[in-house]
């Protein structure tokens, strides 16, 4: 990953993480999991990262990547949902966890795309 790609990825990932934090904090007190709103944020992030690394992504592929990641984190989301029942602390914890998960996911995807992109350029 070159410096330009890293800077663009940084902006995309941090923007998505910020949005996820806001959603996580805002939805902590609602009786529905925030994954329903996080999925479109993370899908847009994956599609945007794909463009940086010239990966042709269909929205369905991006959704499946996001869904796979969310499934792996189902236990954490359940915990966050239960913690979200605490008025202020729950919102802070829920928002922080949503941001951290989105941030981690973004960098994992960026690294994968960078590796795939470099393999394509070597062929």
PDB file of N, CA and C in Angstrom:
ATOM      1  N   UNK A   1       0.868  -1.169   0.000  1.00  0.00           N
ATOM      2  CA  UNK A   1       0.000   0.000   0.000  1.00  0.00           C
ATOM      3  C   UNK A   1       0.912   1.228   0.000  1.00  0.00           C
ATOM      4  N   UNK A   2       0.735   2.080  -1.007  1.00  0.00           N
ATOM      5  CA  UNK A   2       1.561   3.281  -1.048  1.00  0.00           C
ATOM      6  C   UNK A   2       0.967   4.375  -0.152  1.00  0.00           C
ATOM      7  N   UNK A   3       1.692   5.485  -0.023  1.00  0.00           N
ATOM      8  CA  UNK A   3       1.259   6.557   0.888  1.00  0.00           C
ATOM      9  C   UNK A   3      -0.076   7.177   0.498  1.00  0.00           C
ATOM     10  N   UNK A   4      -0.311   7.348  -0.795  1.00  0.00           N
ATOM     11  CA  UNK A   4      -1.568   7.942  -1.253  1.00  0.00           C
ATOM     12  C   UNK A   4      -2.727   7.011  -0.907  1.00  0.00           C
ATOM     13  N   UNK A   5      -2.562   5.726  -1.178  1.00  0.00           N
ATOM     14  CA  UNK A   5      -3.607   4.756  -0.858  1.00  0.00           C
ATOM     15  C   UNK A   5      -3.854   4.701   0.651  1.00  0.00           C
ATOM     16  N   UNK A   6      -2.770   4.751   1.434  1.00  0.00           N
ATOM     17  CA  UNK A   6      -2.903   4.715   2.892  1.00  0.00           C
ATOM     18  C   UNK A   6      -3.675   5.921   3.407  1.00  0.00           C
ATOM     19  N   UNK A   7      -3.382   7.109   2.870  1.00  0.00           N
ATOM     20  CA  UNK A   7      -4.082   8.321   3.305  1.00  0.00           C
ATOM     21  C   UNK A   7      -5.566   8.265   2.942  1.00  0.00           C
ATOM     22  N   UNK A   8      -5.858   7.797   1.728  1.00  0.00           N
ATOM     23  CA  UNK A   8      -7.258   7.672   1.318  1.00  0.00           C
ATOM     24  C   UNK A   8      -7.987   6.638   2.171  1.00  0.00           C
ATOM     25  N   UNK A   9      -7.332   5.503   2.411  1.00  0.00           N
ATOM     26  CA  UNK A   9      -7.929   4.455   3.241  1.00  0.00           C
ATOM     27  C   UNK A   9      -8.163   4.986   4.657  1.00  0.00           C
ATOM     28  N   UNK A  10      -7.196   5.725   5.170  1.00  0.00           N
ATOM     29  CA  UNK A  10      -7.305   6.315   6.511  1.00  0.00           C
ATOM     30  C   UNK A  10      -8.550   7.195   6.597  1.00  0.00           C
ATOM     31  N   UNK A  11      -8.763   8.041   5.627  1.00  0.00           N
ATOM     32  CA  UNK A  11      -9.920   8.938   5.621  1.00  0.00           C
ATOM     33  C   UNK A  11     -11.232   8.142   5.560  1.00  0.00           C
ATOM     34  N   UNK A  12     -11.284   7.174   4.676  1.00  0.00           N
ATOM     35  CA  UNK A  12     -12.507   6.366   4.518  1.00  0.00           C
ATOM     36  C   UNK A  12     -12.799   5.578   5.795  1.00  0.00           C
ATOM     37  N   UNK A  13     -11.796   4.915   6.324  1.00  0.00           N
ATOM     38  CA  UNK A  13     -11.990   4.069   7.496  1.00  0.00           C
ATOM     39  C   UNK A  13     -12.361   4.905   8.720  1.00  0.00           C
ATOM     40  N   UNK A  14     -11.674   6.028   8.923  1.00  0.00           N
ATOM     41  CA  UNK A  14     -11.991   6.856  10.086  1.00  0.00           C
ATOM     42  C   UNK A  14     -13.360   7.523   9.960  1.00  0.00           C
ATOM     43  N   UNK A  15     -13.746   7.870   8.760  1.00  0.00           N
ATOM     44  CA  UNK A  15     -15.086   8.435   8.564  1.00  0.00           C
ATOM     45  C   UNK A  15     -16.158   7.397   8.890  1.00  0.00           C
ATOM     46  N   UNK A  16     -15.947   6.175   8.403  1.00  0.00           N
ATOM     47  CA  UNK A  16     -16.907   5.097   8.690  1.00  0.00           C
ATOM     48  C   UNK A  16     -16.926   4.763  10.179  1.00  0.00           C
ATOM     49  N   UNK A  17     -15.775   4.775  10.810  1.00  0.00           N
ATOM     50  CA  UNK A  17     -15.697   4.489  12.243  1.00  0.00           C
ATOM     51  C   UNK A  17     -16.400   5.564  13.064  1.00  0.00           C
ATOM     52  N   UNK A  18     -16.255   6.808  12.650  1.00  0.00           N
ATOM     53  CA  UNK A  18     -16.937   7.906  13.336  1.00  0.00           C
ATOM     54  C   UNK A  18     -18.447   7.756  13.198  1.00  0.00           C
ATOM     55  N   UNK A  19     -18.885   7.450  11.987  1.00  0.00           N
ATOM     56  CA  UNK A  19     -20.327   7.232  11.769  1.00  0.00           C
ATOM     57  C   UNK A  19     -20.823   6.057  12.609  1.00  0.00           C
ATOM     58  N   UNK A  20     -20.023   4.993  12.676  1.00  0.00           N
ATOM     59  CA  UNK A  20     -20.398   3.823  13.468  1.00  0.00           C
ATOM     60  C   UNK A  20     -20.492   4.177  14.955  1.00  0.00           C
ATOM     61  N   UNK A  21     -19.568   5.001  15.432  1.00  0.00           N
ATOM     62  CA  UNK A  21     -19.599   5.417  16.840  1.00  0.00           C
ATOM     63  C   UNK A  21     -20.870   6.202  17.147  1.00  0.00           C
ATOM     64  N   UNK A  22     -21.224   7.086  16.246  1.00  0.00           N
ATOM     65  CA  UNK A  22     -22.434   7.891  16.441  1.00  0.00           C
ATOM     66  C   UNK A  22     -23.672   6.997  16.451  1.00  0.00           C
ATOM     67  N   UNK A  23     -23.719   6.076  15.497  1.00  0.00           N
ATOM     68  CA  UNK A  23     -24.851   5.143  15.431  1.00  0.00           C
ATOM     69  C   UNK A  23     -24.891   4.267  16.671  1.00  0.00           C
ATOM     70  N   UNK A  24     -23.733   3.724  17.053  1.00  0.00           N
ATOM     71  CA  UNK A  24     -23.676   2.851  18.220  1.00  0.00           C
ATOM     72  C   UNK A  24     -24.120   3.555  19.488  1.00  0.00           C
ATOM     73  N   UNK A  25     -23.649   4.772  19.676  1.00  0.00           N
ATOM     74  CA  UNK A  25     -24.034   5.540  20.867  1.00  0.00           C
ATOM     75  C   UNK A  25     -25.512   5.908  20.823  1.00  0.00           C
ATOM     76  N   UNK A  26     -25.980   6.303  19.652  1.00  0.00           N
ATOM     77  CA  UNK A  26     -27.366   6.729  19.518  1.00  0.00           C
ATOM     78  C   UNK A  26     -28.372   5.604  19.644  1.00  0.00           C
ATOM     79  N   UNK A  27     -27.969   4.409  19.231  1.00  0.00           N
ATOM     80  CA  UNK A  27     -28.908   3.282  19.245  1.00  0.00           C
ATOM     81  C   UNK A  27     -28.790   2.424  20.494  1.00  0.00           C
ATOM     82  N   UNK A  28     -27.903   2.783  21.416  1.00  0.00           N
ATOM     83  CA  UNK A  28     -27.668   1.951  22.594  1.00  0.00           C
ATOM     84  C   UNK A  28     -28.934   1.711  23.408  1.00  0.00           C
ATOM     85  N   UNK A  29     -29.828   2.673  23.413  1.00  0.00           N
ATOM     86  CA  UNK A  29     -31.019   2.550  24.253  1.00  0.00           C
ATOM     87  C   UNK A  29     -32.227   1.964  23.517  1.00  0.00           C
ATOM     88  N   UNK A  30     -32.070   1.676  22.235  1.00  0.00           N
ATOM     89  CA  UNK A  30     -33.186   1.111  21.472  1.00  0.00           C
ATOM     90  C   UNK A  30     -33.154  -0.412  21.522  1.00  0.00           C
ATOM     91  N   UNK A  31     -34.303  -1.048  21.445  1.00  0.00           N
ATOM     92  CA  UNK A  31     -34.358  -2.512  21.563  1.00  0.00           C
ATOM     93  C   UNK A  31     -34.031  -3.259  20.269  1.00  0.00           C
ATOM     94  N   UNK A  32     -33.316  -2.633  19.354  1.00  0.00           N
ATOM     95  CA  UNK A  32     -32.896  -3.304  18.120  1.00  0.00           C
ATOM     96  C   UNK A  32     -31.370  -3.226  18.027  1.00  0.00           C
ATOM     97  N   UNK A  33     -30.750  -4.258  17.481  1.00  0.00           N
ATOM     98  CA  UNK A  33     -29.298  -4.218  17.340  1.00  0.00           C
ATOM     99  C   UNK A  33     -28.875  -3.140  16.341  1.00  0.00           C
ATOM    100  N   UNK A  34     -27.741  -2.512  16.618  1.00  0.00           N
ATOM    101  CA  UNK A  34     -27.260  -1.460  15.734  1.00  0.00           C
ATOM    102  C   UNK A  34     -26.671  -2.015  14.440  1.00  0.00           C
ATOM    103  N   UNK A  35     -26.549  -3.329  14.337  1.00  0.00           N
ATOM    104  CA  UNK A  35     -25.996  -3.946  13.130  1.00  0.00           C
ATOM    105  C   UNK A  35     -26.812  -3.602  11.889  1.00  0.00           C
ATOM    106  N   UNK A  36     -28.100  -3.365  12.065  1.00  0.00           N
ATOM    107  CA  UNK A  36     -28.943  -3.031  10.914  1.00  0.00           C
ATOM    108  C   UNK A  36     -28.531  -1.709  10.284  1.00  0.00           C
ATOM    109  N   UNK A  37     -27.973  -0.818  11.069  1.00  0.00           N
ATOM    110  CA  UNK A  37     -27.510   0.470  10.540  1.00  0.00           C
ATOM    111  C   UNK A  37     -26.013   0.420  10.250  1.00  0.00           C
ATOM    112  N   UNK A  38     -25.268  -0.392  10.983  1.00  0.00           N
ATOM    113  CA  UNK A  38     -23.826  -0.497  10.748  1.00  0.00           C
ATOM    114  C   UNK A  38     -23.508  -1.199   9.432  1.00  0.00           C
ATOM    115  N   UNK A  39     -24.340  -2.146   9.033  1.00  0.00           N
ATOM    116  CA  UNK A  39     -24.087  -2.891   7.799  1.00  0.00           C
ATOM    117  C   UNK A  39     -23.972  -1.970   6.574  1.00  0.00           C
ATOM    118  N   UNK A  40     -24.894  -1.027   6.353  1.00  0.00           N
ATOM    119  CA  UNK A  40     -24.727  -0.134   5.202  1.00  0.00           C
ATOM    120  C   UNK A  40     -23.483   0.762   5.305  1.00  0.00           C
ATOM    121  N   UNK A  41     -23.140   1.185   6.509  1.00  0.00           N
ATOM    122  CA  UNK A  41     -21.936   2.007   6.700  1.00  0.00           C
ATOM    123  C   UNK A  41     -20.707   1.193   6.329  1.00  0.00           C
ATOM    124  N   UNK A  42     -20.632  -0.030   6.817  1.00  0.00           N
ATOM    125  CA  UNK A  42     -19.476  -0.865   6.539  1.00  0.00           C
ATOM    126  C   UNK A  42     -19.436  -1.320   5.079  1.00  0.00           C
ATOM    127  N   UNK A  43     -20.603  -1.523   4.485  1.00  0.00           N
ATOM    128  CA  UNK A  43     -20.649  -1.881   3.068  1.00  0.00           C
ATOM    129  C   UNK A  43     -20.106  -0.736   2.210  1.00  0.00           C
ATOM    130  N   UNK A  44     -20.522   0.484   2.515  1.00  0.00           N
ATOM    131  CA  UNK A  44     -20.017   1.651   1.776  1.00  0.00           C
ATOM    132  C   UNK A  44     -18.515   1.784   1.966  1.00  0.00           C
ATOM    133  N   UNK A  45     -18.037   1.501   3.163  1.00  0.00           N
ATOM    134  CA  UNK A  45     -16.598   1.574   3.428  1.00  0.00           C
ATOM    135  C   UNK A  45     -15.845   0.564   2.562  1.00  0.00           C
ATOM    136  N   UNK A  46     -16.344  -0.664   2.497  1.00  0.00           N
ATOM    137  CA  UNK A  46     -15.680  -1.708   1.704  1.00  0.00           C
ATOM    138  C   UNK A  46     -15.664  -1.334   0.225  1.00  0.00           C
ATOM    139  N   UNK A  47     -16.779  -0.830  -0.279  1.00  0.00           N
ATOM    140  CA  UNK A  47     -16.846  -0.427  -1.686  1.00  0.00           C
ATOM    141  C   UNK A  47     -15.858   0.704  -1.965  1.00  0.00           C
ATOM    142  N   UNK A  48     -15.797   1.678  -1.060  1.00  0.00           N
ATOM    143  CA  UNK A  48     -14.873   2.801  -1.228  1.00  0.00           C
ATOM    144  C   UNK A  48     -13.417   2.341  -1.163  1.00  0.00           C
ATOM    145  N   UNK A  49     -13.113   1.436  -0.256  1.00  0.00           N
ATOM    146  CA  UNK A  49     -11.756   0.901  -0.184  1.00  0.00           C
ATOM    147  C   UNK A  49     -11.412   0.133  -1.459  1.00  0.00           C
ATOM    148  N   UNK A  50     -12.380  -0.585  -1.988  1.00  0.00           N
ATOM    149  CA  UNK A  50     -12.157  -1.313  -3.231  1.00  0.00           C
ATOM    150  C   UNK A  50     -11.759  -0.388  -4.368  1.00  0.00           C
ATOM    151  N   UNK A  51     -12.363   0.783  -4.408  1.00  0.00           N
ATOM    152  CA  UNK A  51     -12.038   1.752  -5.461  1.00  0.00           C
ATOM    153  C   UNK A  51     -10.607   2.246  -5.344  1.00  0.00           C
ATOM    154  N   UNK A  52     -10.118   2.418  -4.142  1.00  0.00           N
ATOM    155  CA  UNK A  52      -8.737   2.875  -3.945  1.00  0.00           C
ATOM    156  C   UNK A  52      -7.751   1.884  -4.548  1.00  0.00           C
ATOM    157  N   UNK A  53      -8.041   0.608  -4.358  1.00  0.00           N
ATOM    158  CA  UNK A  53      -7.121  -0.432  -4.806  1.00  0.00           C
ATOM    159  C   UNK A  53      -7.528  -1.038  -6.145  1.00  0.00           C
ATOM    160  N   UNK A  54      -8.423  -0.347  -6.846  1.00  0.00           N
ATOM    161  CA  UNK A  54      -8.879  -0.753  -8.183  1.00  0.00           C
ATOM    162  C   UNK A  54      -9.460  -2.165  -8.177  1.00  0.00           C
ATOM    163  N   UNK A  55     -10.202  -2.459  -7.116  1.00  0.00           N
ATOM    164  CA  UNK A  55     -10.873  -3.745  -7.017  1.00  0.00           C
ATOM    165  C   UNK A  55     -12.291  -3.554  -7.525  1.00  0.00           C
ATOM    166  N   UNK A  56     -12.713  -4.407  -8.432  1.00  0.00           N
ATOM    167  CA  UNK A  56     -14.084  -4.327  -8.937  1.00  0.00           C
ATOM    168  C   UNK A  56     -14.976  -5.097  -7.979  1.00  0.00           C
ATOM    169  N   UNK A  57     -15.728  -4.349  -7.209  1.00  0.00           N
ATOM    170  CA  UNK A  57     -16.594  -4.955  -6.207  1.00  0.00           C
ATOM    171  C   UNK A  57     -18.047  -4.718  -6.555  1.00  0.00           C
ATOM    172  N   UNK A  58     -18.799  -5.740  -6.464  1.00  0.00           N
ATOM    173  CA  UNK A  58     -20.245  -5.589  -6.555  1.00  0.00           C
ATOM    174  C   UNK A  58     -20.746  -5.350  -5.143  1.00  0.00           C
ATOM    175  N   UNK A  59     -21.853  -4.649  -5.023  1.00  0.00           N
ATOM    176  CA  UNK A  59     -22.384  -4.365  -3.700  1.00  0.00           C
ATOM    177  C   UNK A  59     -22.675  -5.657  -2.937  1.00  0.00           C
ATOM    178  N   UNK A  60     -23.104  -6.682  -3.641  1.00  0.00           N
ATOM    179  CA  UNK A  60     -23.391  -7.961  -2.991  1.00  0.00           C
ATOM    180  C   UNK A  60     -22.160  -8.568  -2.345  1.00  0.00           C
ATOM    181  N   UNK A  61     -21.006  -8.446  -3.009  1.00  0.00           N
ATOM    182  CA  UNK A  61     -19.764  -8.966  -2.441  1.00  0.00           C
ATOM    183  C   UNK A  61     -19.403  -8.172  -1.196  1.00  0.00           C
ATOM    184  N   UNK A  62     -19.535  -6.861  -1.275  1.00  0.00           N
ATOM    185  CA  UNK A  62     -19.225  -6.016  -0.125  1.00  0.00           C
ATOM    186  C   UNK A  62     -20.144  -6.345   1.042  1.00  0.00           C
ATOM    187  N   UNK A  63     -21.423  -6.568   0.743  1.00  0.00           N
ATOM    188  CA  UNK A  63     -22.365  -6.918   1.808  1.00  0.00           C
ATOM    189  C   UNK A  63     -22.004  -8.261   2.430  1.00  0.00           C
ATOM    190  N   UNK A  64     -21.587  -9.192   1.594  1.00  0.00           N
ATOM    191  CA  UNK A  64     -21.245 -10.497   2.151  1.00  0.00           C
ATOM    192  C   UNK A  64     -20.001 -10.401   3.022  1.00  0.00           C
ATOM    193  N   UNK A  65     -19.027  -9.575   2.620  1.00  0.00           N
ATOM    194  CA  UNK A  65     -17.847  -9.363   3.451  1.00  0.00           C
ATOM    195  C   UNK A  65     -18.249  -8.751   4.787  1.00  0.00           C
ATOM    196  N   UNK A  66     -19.094  -7.745   4.736  1.00  0.00           N
ATOM    197  CA  UNK A  66     -19.546  -7.084   5.958  1.00  0.00           C
ATOM    198  C   UNK A  66     -20.362  -8.040   6.814  1.00  0.00           C
ATOM    199  N   UNK A  67     -21.218  -8.820   6.182  1.00  0.00           N
ATOM    200  CA  UNK A  67     -22.046  -9.770   6.921  1.00  0.00           C
ATOM    201  C   UNK A  67     -21.181 -10.821   7.595  1.00  0.00           C
ATOM    202  N   UNK A  68     -20.181 -11.298   6.889  1.00  0.00           N
ATOM    203  CA  UNK A  68     -19.275 -12.295   7.457  1.00  0.00           C
ATOM    204  C   UNK A  68     -18.579 -11.736   8.689  1.00  0.00           C
ATOM    205  N   UNK A  69     -18.102 -10.522   8.579  1.00  0.00           N
ATOM    206  CA  UNK A  69     -17.423  -9.905   9.710  1.00  0.00           C
ATOM    207  C   UNK A  69     -18.389  -9.708  10.870  1.00  0.00           C
ATOM    208  N   UNK A  70     -19.595  -9.245  10.567  1.00  0.00           N
ATOM    209  CA  UNK A  70     -20.580  -9.023  11.628  1.00  0.00           C
ATOM    210  C   UNK A  70     -20.962 -10.330  12.310  1.00  0.00           C
ATOM    211  N   UNK A  71     -21.022 -11.410  11.546  1.00  0.00           N
ATOM    212  CA  UNK A  71     -21.348 -12.700  12.140  1.00  0.00           C
ATOM    213  C   UNK A  71     -20.274 -13.127  13.129  1.00  0.00           C
ATOM    214  N   UNK A  72     -19.018 -12.857  12.790  1.00  0.00           N
ATOM    215  CA  UNK A  72     -17.924 -13.201  13.690  1.00  0.00           C
ATOM    216  C   UNK A  72     -17.975 -12.377  14.969  1.00  0.00           C
ATOM    217  N   UNK A  73     -18.548 -11.211  14.863  1.00  0.00           N
ATOM    218  CA  UNK A  73     -18.614 -10.313  16.014  1.00  0.00           C
ATOM    219  C   UNK A  73     -19.976 -10.348  16.703  1.00  0.00           C
ATOM    220  N   UNK A  74     -20.794 -11.342  16.393  1.00  0.00           N
ATOM    221  CA  UNK A  74     -22.153 -11.398  16.949  1.00  0.00           C
ATOM    222  C   UNK A  74     -22.143 -11.408  18.472  1.00  0.00           C
ATOM    223  N   UNK A  75     -21.201 -12.120  19.043  1.00  0.00           N
ATOM    224  CA  UNK A  75     -21.111 -12.164  20.498  1.00  0.00           C
ATOM    225  C   UNK A  75     -20.832 -10.794  21.091  1.00  0.00           C
ATOM    226  N   UNK A  76     -19.932 -10.059  20.451  1.00  0.00           N
ATOM    227  CA  UNK A  76     -19.626  -8.715  20.935  1.00  0.00           C
ATOM    228  C   UNK A  76     -20.836  -7.802  20.795  1.00  0.00           C
ATOM    229  N   UNK A  77     -21.555  -7.942  19.702  1.00  0.00           N
ATOM    230  CA  UNK A  77     -22.720  -7.081  19.494  1.00  0.00           C
ATOM    231  C   UNK A  77     -23.818  -7.382  20.515  1.00  0.00           C
ATOM    232  N   UNK A  78     -23.970  -8.658  20.837  1.00  0.00           N
ATOM    233  CA  UNK A  78     -24.962  -9.019  21.837  1.00  0.00           C
ATOM    234  C   UNK A  78     -24.581  -8.399  23.180  1.00  0.00           C
ATOM    235  N   UNK A  79     -23.305  -8.472  23.518  1.00  0.00           N
ATOM    236  CA  UNK A  79     -22.834  -7.874  24.763  1.00  0.00           C
ATOM    237  C   UNK A  79     -23.057  -6.369  24.754  1.00  0.00           C
ATOM    238  N   UNK A  80     -22.726  -5.741  23.641  1.00  0.00           N
ATOM    239  CA  UNK A  80     -22.919  -4.286  23.547  1.00  0.00           C
ATOM    240  C   UNK A  80     -24.390  -3.926  23.695  1.00  0.00           C
ATOM    241  N   UNK A  81     -25.247  -4.755  23.117  1.00  0.00           N
ATOM    242  CA  UNK A  81     -26.689  -4.490  23.206  1.00  0.00           C
ATOM    243  C   UNK A  81     -27.138  -4.539  24.664  1.00  0.00           C
ATOM    244  N   UNK A  82     -26.664  -5.536  25.381  1.00  0.00           N
ATOM    245  CA  UNK A  82     -27.047  -5.661  26.789  1.00  0.00           C
ATOM    246  C   UNK A  82     -26.456  -4.525  27.621  1.00  0.00           C
ATOM    247  N   UNK A  83     -25.209  -4.165  27.348  1.00  0.00           N
ATOM    248  CA  UNK A  83     -24.577  -3.056  28.063  1.00  0.00           C
ATOM    249  C   UNK A  83     -25.278  -1.750  27.716  1.00  0.00           C
ATOM    250  N   UNK A  84     -25.834  -1.683  26.502  1.00  0.00           N
ATOM    251  CA  UNK A  84     -26.511  -0.473  26.052  1.00  0.00           C
ATOM    252  C   UNK A  84     -27.716  -0.100  26.889  1.00  0.00           C
ATOM    253  N   UNK A  85     -28.150  -1.004  27.730  1.00  0.00           N
ATOM    254  CA  UNK A  85     -29.294  -0.706  28.589  1.00  0.00           C
ATOM    255  C   UNK A  85     -28.903   0.242  29.729  1.00  0.00           C
ATOM    256  N   UNK A  86     -27.624   0.430  29.949  1.00  0.00           N
ATOM    257  CA  UNK A  86     -27.159   1.391  30.951  1.00  0.00           C
ATOM    258  C   UNK A  86     -27.198   2.770  30.309  1.00  0.00           C
ATOM    259  N   UNK A  87     -27.865   3.739  30.915  1.00  0.00           N
ATOM    260  CA  UNK A  87     -28.110   5.027  30.254  1.00  0.00           C
ATOM    261  C   UNK A  87     -26.906   5.693  29.580  1.00  0.00           C
ATOM    262  N   UNK A  88     -25.983   6.237  30.294  1.00  0.00           N
ATOM    263  CA  UNK A  88     -24.891   6.987  29.668  1.00  0.00           C
ATOM    264  C   UNK A  88     -23.711   6.081  29.362  1.00  0.00           C
ATOM    265  N   UNK A  89     -23.321   5.259  30.315  1.00  0.00           N
ATOM    266  CA  UNK A  89     -22.180   4.366  30.111  1.00  0.00           C
ATOM    267  C   UNK A  89     -22.426   3.422  28.941  1.00  0.00           C
ATOM    268  N   UNK A  90     -23.654   2.945  28.808  1.00  0.00           N
ATOM    269  CA  UNK A  90     -23.980   2.040  27.705  1.00  0.00           C
ATOM    270  C   UNK A  90     -23.798   2.696  26.356  1.00  0.00           C
ATOM    271  N   UNK A  91     -24.173   3.962  26.256  1.00  0.00           N
ATOM    272  CA  UNK A  91     -24.010   4.685  24.989  1.00  0.00           C
ATOM    273  C   UNK A  91     -22.534   4.848  24.644  1.00  0.00           C
ATOM    274  N   UNK A  92     -21.728   5.182  25.633  1.00  0.00           N
ATOM    275  CA  UNK A  92     -20.285   5.359  25.417  1.00  0.00           C
ATOM    276  C   UNK A  92     -19.651   4.032  25.020  1.00  0.00           C
ATOM    277  N   UNK A  93     -19.986   2.977  25.752  1.00  0.00           N
ATOM    278  CA  UNK A  93     -19.419   1.659  25.461  1.00  0.00           C
ATOM    279  C   UNK A  93     -19.873   1.169  24.087  1.00  0.00           C
ATOM    280  N   UNK A  94     -21.146   1.311  23.789  1.00  0.00           N
ATOM    281  CA  UNK A  94     -21.690   0.857  22.513  1.00  0.00           C
ATOM    282  C   UNK A  94     -21.065   1.619  21.341  1.00  0.00           C
ATOM    283  N   UNK A  95     -20.961   2.934  21.477  1.00  0.00           N
ATOM    284  CA  UNK A  95     -20.359   3.743  20.416  1.00  0.00           C
ATOM    285  C   UNK A  95     -18.894   3.416  20.213  1.00  0.00           C
ATOM    286  N   UNK A  96     -18.166   3.262  21.305  1.00  0.00           N
ATOM    287  CA  UNK A  96     -16.735   2.934  21.219  1.00  0.00           C
ATOM    288  C   UNK A  96     -16.505   1.575  20.582  1.00  0.00           C
ATOM    289  N   UNK A  97     -17.333   0.612  20.949  1.00  0.00           N
ATOM    290  CA  UNK A  97     -17.189  -0.733  20.386  1.00  0.00           C
ATOM    291  C   UNK A  97     -17.521  -0.743  18.897  1.00  0.00           C
ATOM    292  N   UNK A  98     -18.576  -0.049  18.505  1.00  0.00           N
ATOM    293  CA  UNK A  98     -18.939   0.023  17.078  1.00  0.00           C
ATOM    294  C   UNK A  98     -17.818   0.665  16.271  1.00  0.00           C
ATOM    295  N   UNK A  99     -17.218   1.721  16.814  1.00  0.00           N
ATOM    296  CA  UNK A  99     -16.108   2.387  16.122  1.00  0.00           C
ATOM    297  C   UNK A  99     -14.900   1.469  16.020  1.00  0.00           C
ATOM    298  N   UNK A 100     -14.569   0.785  17.099  1.00  0.00           N
ATOM    299  CA  UNK A 100     -13.399  -0.097  17.103  1.00  0.00           C
ATOM    300  C   UNK A 100     -13.566  -1.262  16.136  1.00  0.00           C
ATOM    301  N   UNK A 101     -14.758  -1.838  16.107  1.00  0.00           N
ATOM    302  CA  UNK A 101     -15.010  -2.953  15.188  1.00  0.00           C
ATOM    303  C   UNK A 101     -14.912  -2.480  13.737  1.00  0.00           C
ATOM    304  N   UNK A 102     -15.520  -1.332  13.448  1.00  0.00           N
ATOM    305  CA  UNK A 102     -15.488  -0.804  12.082  1.00  0.00           C
ATOM    306  C   UNK A 102     -14.059  -0.447  11.674  1.00  0.00           C
ATOM    307  N   UNK A 103     -13.316   0.159  12.576  1.00  0.00           N
ATOM    308  CA  UNK A 103     -11.917   0.526  12.319  1.00  0.00           C
ATOM    309  C   UNK A 103     -11.088  -0.726  12.011  1.00  0.00           C
ATOM    310  N   UNK A 104     -11.213  -1.734  12.847  1.00  0.00           N
ATOM    311  CA  UNK A 104     -10.460  -2.977  12.644  1.00  0.00           C
ATOM    312  C   UNK A 104     -10.835  -3.632  11.322  1.00  0.00           C
ATOM    313  N   UNK A 105     -12.120  -3.713  11.080  1.00  0.00           N
ATOM    314  CA  UNK A 105     -12.616  -4.313   9.848  1.00  0.00           C
ATOM    315  C   UNK A 105     -12.084  -3.564   8.631  1.00  0.00           C
ATOM    316  N   UNK A 106     -12.105  -2.243   8.690  1.00  0.00           N
ATOM    317  CA  UNK A 106     -11.620  -1.438   7.569  1.00  0.00           C
ATOM    318  C   UNK A 106     -10.166  -1.704   7.246  1.00  0.00           C
ATOM    319  N   UNK A 107      -9.323  -1.774   8.274  1.00  0.00           N
ATOM    320  CA  UNK A 107      -7.893  -2.001   8.026  1.00  0.00           C
ATOM    321  C   UNK A 107      -7.622  -3.436   7.572  1.00  0.00           C
ATOM    322  N   UNK A 108      -8.414  -4.385   8.050  1.00  0.00           N
ATOM    323  CA  UNK A 108      -8.268  -5.766   7.572  1.00  0.00           C
ATOM    324  C   UNK A 108      -8.583  -5.830   6.085  1.00  0.00           C
ATOM    325  N   UNK A 109      -9.680  -5.199   5.685  1.00  0.00           N
ATOM    326  CA  UNK A 109     -10.078  -5.187   4.269  1.00  0.00           C
ATOM    327  C   UNK A 109      -9.053  -4.423   3.430  1.00  0.00           C
ATOM    328  N   UNK A 110      -8.596  -3.267   3.916  1.00  0.00           N
ATOM    329  CA  UNK A 110      -7.604  -2.474   3.172  1.00  0.00           C
ATOM    330  C   UNK A 110      -6.333  -3.291   2.937  1.00  0.00           C
ATOM    331  N   UNK A 111      -5.891  -4.006   3.962  1.00  0.00           N
ATOM    332  CA  UNK A 111      -4.690  -4.832   3.825  1.00  0.00           C
ATOM    333  C   UNK A 111      -4.908  -5.934   2.792  1.00  0.00           C
ATOM    334  N   UNK A 112      -6.063  -6.591   2.856  1.00  0.00           N
ATOM    335  CA  UNK A 112      -6.373  -7.650   1.890  1.00  0.00           C
ATOM    336  C   UNK A 112      -6.408  -7.099   0.463  1.00  0.00           C
ATOM    337  N   UNK A 113      -7.070  -5.960   0.291  1.00  0.00           N
ATOM    338  CA  UNK A 113      -7.162  -5.353  -1.043  1.00  0.00           C
ATOM    339  C   UNK A 113      -5.793  -4.929  -1.551  1.00  0.00           C
ATOM    340  N   UNK A 114      -4.959  -4.386  -0.674  1.00  0.00           N
ATOM    341  CA  UNK A 114      -3.614  -3.970  -1.070  1.00  0.00           C
ATOM    342  C   UNK A 114      -2.793  -5.170  -1.516  1.00  0.00           C
ATOM    343  N   UNK A 115      -2.897  -6.262  -0.783  1.00  0.00           N
ATOM    344  CA  UNK A 115      -2.173  -7.488  -1.157  1.00  0.00           C
ATOM    345  C   UNK A 115      -2.676  -8.037  -2.477  1.00  0.00           C
ATOM    346  N   UNK A 116      -4.003  -8.081  -2.655  1.00  0.00           N
ATOM    347  CA  UNK A 116      -4.573  -8.567  -3.914  1.00  0.00           C
ATOM    348  C   UNK A 116      -4.170  -7.679  -5.074  1.00  0.00           C
ATOM    349  N   UNK A 117      -4.159  -6.371  -4.838  1.00  0.00           N
ATOM    350  CA  UNK A 117      -3.800  -5.418  -5.880  1.00  0.00           C
ATOM    351  C   UNK A 117      -2.341  -5.586  -6.291  1.00  0.00           C
ATOM    352  N   UNK A 118      -1.465  -5.790  -5.317  1.00  0.00           N
ATOM    353  CA  UNK A 118      -0.050  -5.951  -5.638  1.00  0.00           C
ATOM    354  C   UNK A 118       0.201  -7.261  -6.381  1.00  0.00           C
ATOM    355  N   UNK A 119      -0.578  -8.304  -6.070  1.00  0.00           N
ATOM    356  CA  UNK A 119      -0.456  -9.571  -6.795  1.00  0.00           C
ATOM    357  C   UNK A 119      -0.867  -9.413  -8.242  1.00  0.00           C
ATOM    358  N   UNK A 120      -1.930  -8.637  -8.483  1.00  0.00           N
ATOM    359  CA  UNK A 120      -2.400  -8.411  -9.846  1.00  0.00           C
ATOM    360  C   UNK A 120      -1.367  -7.635 -10.659  1.00  0.00           C
ATOM    361  N   UNK A 121      -0.700  -6.684 -10.011  1.00  0.00           N
ATOM    362  CA  UNK A 121       0.301  -5.866 -10.701  1.00  0.00           C
ATOM    363  C   UNK A 121       1.554  -6.637 -11.028  1.00  0.00           C
ATOM    364  N   UNK A 122       1.833  -7.716 -10.302  1.00  0.00           N
ATOM    365  CA  UNK A 122       3.019  -8.517 -10.556  1.00  0.00           C
ATOM    366  C   UNK A 122       2.806  -9.501 -11.692  1.00  0.00           C
ATOM    367  N   UNK A 123       1.558  -9.802 -12.002  1.00  0.00           N
ATOM    368  CA  UNK A 123       1.268 -10.801 -13.051  1.00  0.00           C
ATOM    369  C   UNK A 123       1.407 -10.202 -14.407  1.00  0.00           C
TER     370      UNK A 123
END
